[in-house]
Amino acid sequence: MTDANAALILITIAIVVANLPWMSERVFFFFHPADGHKSAWWRWAEWLVLYFIVGGIALGLEHKVTGQIYAQEWEFYVVTLCLFMIFALPGFLYRHDLRPKLVKR
């Protein structure tokens, strides 16, 4: 696996996974909420847990491609968190902007 292939795989996984909390009404994809609707807090909690899961996948890919894991400073993690937030924007807009309009129709 080349560096470019690993990067494309990781970005594709991150884009798909970042949008998952807004596409499902189940809490952590297994449990139905008591009132039938998942709150925004659960969505953000799922999103944060998925960020750490994708980070683990990234570490695994880095180790597979380069043979080691390079140390990073806090700025790197802030940038990846913001990038993951940008990746989640389509799902967020679908849930809070487009879906209510579609349900009305």
Protein backbone atom coordinates (compact mmCIF):
# COMPACT_ATOMS: atom_id res chain seq x y z
CA MET A 1 0.00 0.00 0.00
CA THR A 2 1.43 3.37 -0.98
CA ASP A 3 1.23 6.59 0.99
CA ALA A 4 -1.26 8.06 -1.48
CA ASN A 5 -3.56 5.04 -1.29
CA ALA A 6 -3.48 5.07 2.50
CA ALA A 7 -4.32 8.79 2.56
CA LEU A 8 -7.25 8.35 0.17
CA ILE A 9 -8.59 5.40 2.17
CA LEU A 10 -8.31 7.35 5.42
CA ILE A 11 -10.01 10.45 4.03
CA THR A 12 -12.85 8.36 2.58
CA ILE A 13 -13.35 6.56 5.89
CA ALA A 14 -13.27 9.87 7.79
CA ILE A 15 -15.87 11.51 5.53
CA VAL A 16 -18.27 8.57 5.81
CA VAL A 17 -17.80 8.05 9.55
CA ALA A 18 -18.08 11.77 10.41
CA ASN A 19 -21.60 11.83 8.97
CA LEU A 20 -22.92 8.67 10.66
CA PRO A 21 -24.25 10.25 13.90
CA TRP A 22 -26.63 12.46 11.93
CA MET A 23 -27.97 9.65 9.76
CA SER A 24 -29.24 7.33 12.51
CA GLU A 25 -31.77 7.68 15.33
CA ARG A 26 -30.07 4.97 17.40
CA VAL A 27 -27.66 5.85 20.19
CA PHE A 28 -24.23 4.46 19.29
CA PHE A 29 -26.00 2.53 16.49
CA PHE A 30 -27.41 -0.10 18.91
CA PHE A 31 -29.87 1.45 21.37
CA HIS A 32 -33.16 3.19 20.72
CA PRO A 33 -33.66 6.32 22.85
CA ALA A 34 -36.49 6.22 25.37
CA ASP A 35 -38.44 9.07 23.77
CA GLY A 36 -37.76 7.89 20.21
CA HIS A 37 -35.55 10.82 19.21
CA LYS A 38 -31.83 11.05 19.72
CA SER A 39 -30.78 14.34 21.30
CA ALA A 40 -28.07 16.60 19.95
CA TRP A 41 -25.86 15.72 22.90
CA TRP A 42 -25.88 12.06 21.91
CA ARG A 43 -25.05 12.96 18.33
CA TRP A 44 -22.05 15.04 19.41
CA ALA A 45 -20.90 12.33 21.84
CA GLU A 46 -21.05 9.74 19.05
CA TRP A 47 -19.22 12.10 16.73
CA LEU A 48 -16.40 12.57 19.26
CA VAL A 49 -16.07 8.82 19.89
CA LEU A 50 -15.96 8.23 16.12
CA TYR A 51 -13.22 10.89 15.83
CA PHE A 52 -11.06 8.85 18.21
CA ILE A 53 -11.87 5.63 16.32
CA VAL A 54 -10.82 7.20 13.01
CA GLY A 55 -7.68 8.46 14.78
CA GLY A 56 -6.90 4.89 15.77
CA ILE A 57 -7.41 3.75 12.19
CA ALA A 58 -5.05 6.53 11.07
CA LEU A 59 -2.40 5.38 13.53
CA GLY A 60 -2.76 1.82 12.25
CA LEU A 61 -2.43 2.91 8.64
CA GLU A 62 0.59 5.08 9.48
CA HIS A 63 2.28 2.16 11.19
CA LYS A 64 1.48 -0.15 8.28
CA VAL A 65 2.77 2.25 5.62
CA THR A 66 5.82 3.75 7.35
CA GLY A 67 6.65 1.12 9.94
CA GLN A 68 6.44 3.57 12.85
CA ILE A 69 4.18 6.16 14.42
CA TYR A 70 5.52 9.70 14.46
CA ALA A 71 5.02 11.89 17.53
CA GLN A 72 2.71 14.88 17.03
CA GLU A 73 2.14 18.06 18.98
CA TRP A 74 -1.27 19.34 20.12
CA GLU A 75 -1.66 21.52 17.00
CA PHE A 76 -1.90 18.41 14.83
CA TYR A 77 -4.81 17.06 16.85
CA VAL A 78 -6.64 20.39 16.81
CA VAL A 79 -6.33 20.52 13.02
CA THR A 80 -7.57 16.93 12.62
CA LEU A 81 -10.51 17.65 14.95
CA CYS A 82 -11.46 20.71 12.87
CA LEU A 83 -11.08 18.72 9.65
CA PHE A 84 -13.32 15.97 11.04
CA MET A 85 -15.84 18.69 11.92
CA ILE A 86 -15.76 19.96 8.33
CA PHE A 87 -16.26 16.40 7.08
CA ALA A 88 -19.39 16.15 9.27
CA LEU A 89 -21.00 19.26 7.79
CA PRO A 90 -23.09 17.48 5.09
CA GLY A 91 -24.71 15.17 7.66
CA PHE A 92 -25.31 18.04 10.08
CA LEU A 93 -26.94 20.17 7.37
CA TYR A 94 -29.05 17.23 6.24
CA ARG A 95 -30.31 16.56 9.77
CA HIS A 96 -31.00 20.13 10.84
CA ASP A 97 -31.77 21.97 7.61
CA LEU A 98 -32.82 19.70 4.75
CA ARG A 99 -34.62 16.86 6.58
CA PRO A 100 -37.22 19.06 8.35
CA LYS A 101 -38.13 20.59 4.99
CA LEU A 102 -38.44 17.18 3.38
CA VAL A 103 -40.60 15.88 6.25
CA LYS A 104 -42.99 18.84 5.86
CA ARG A 105 -43.59 18.00 2.23
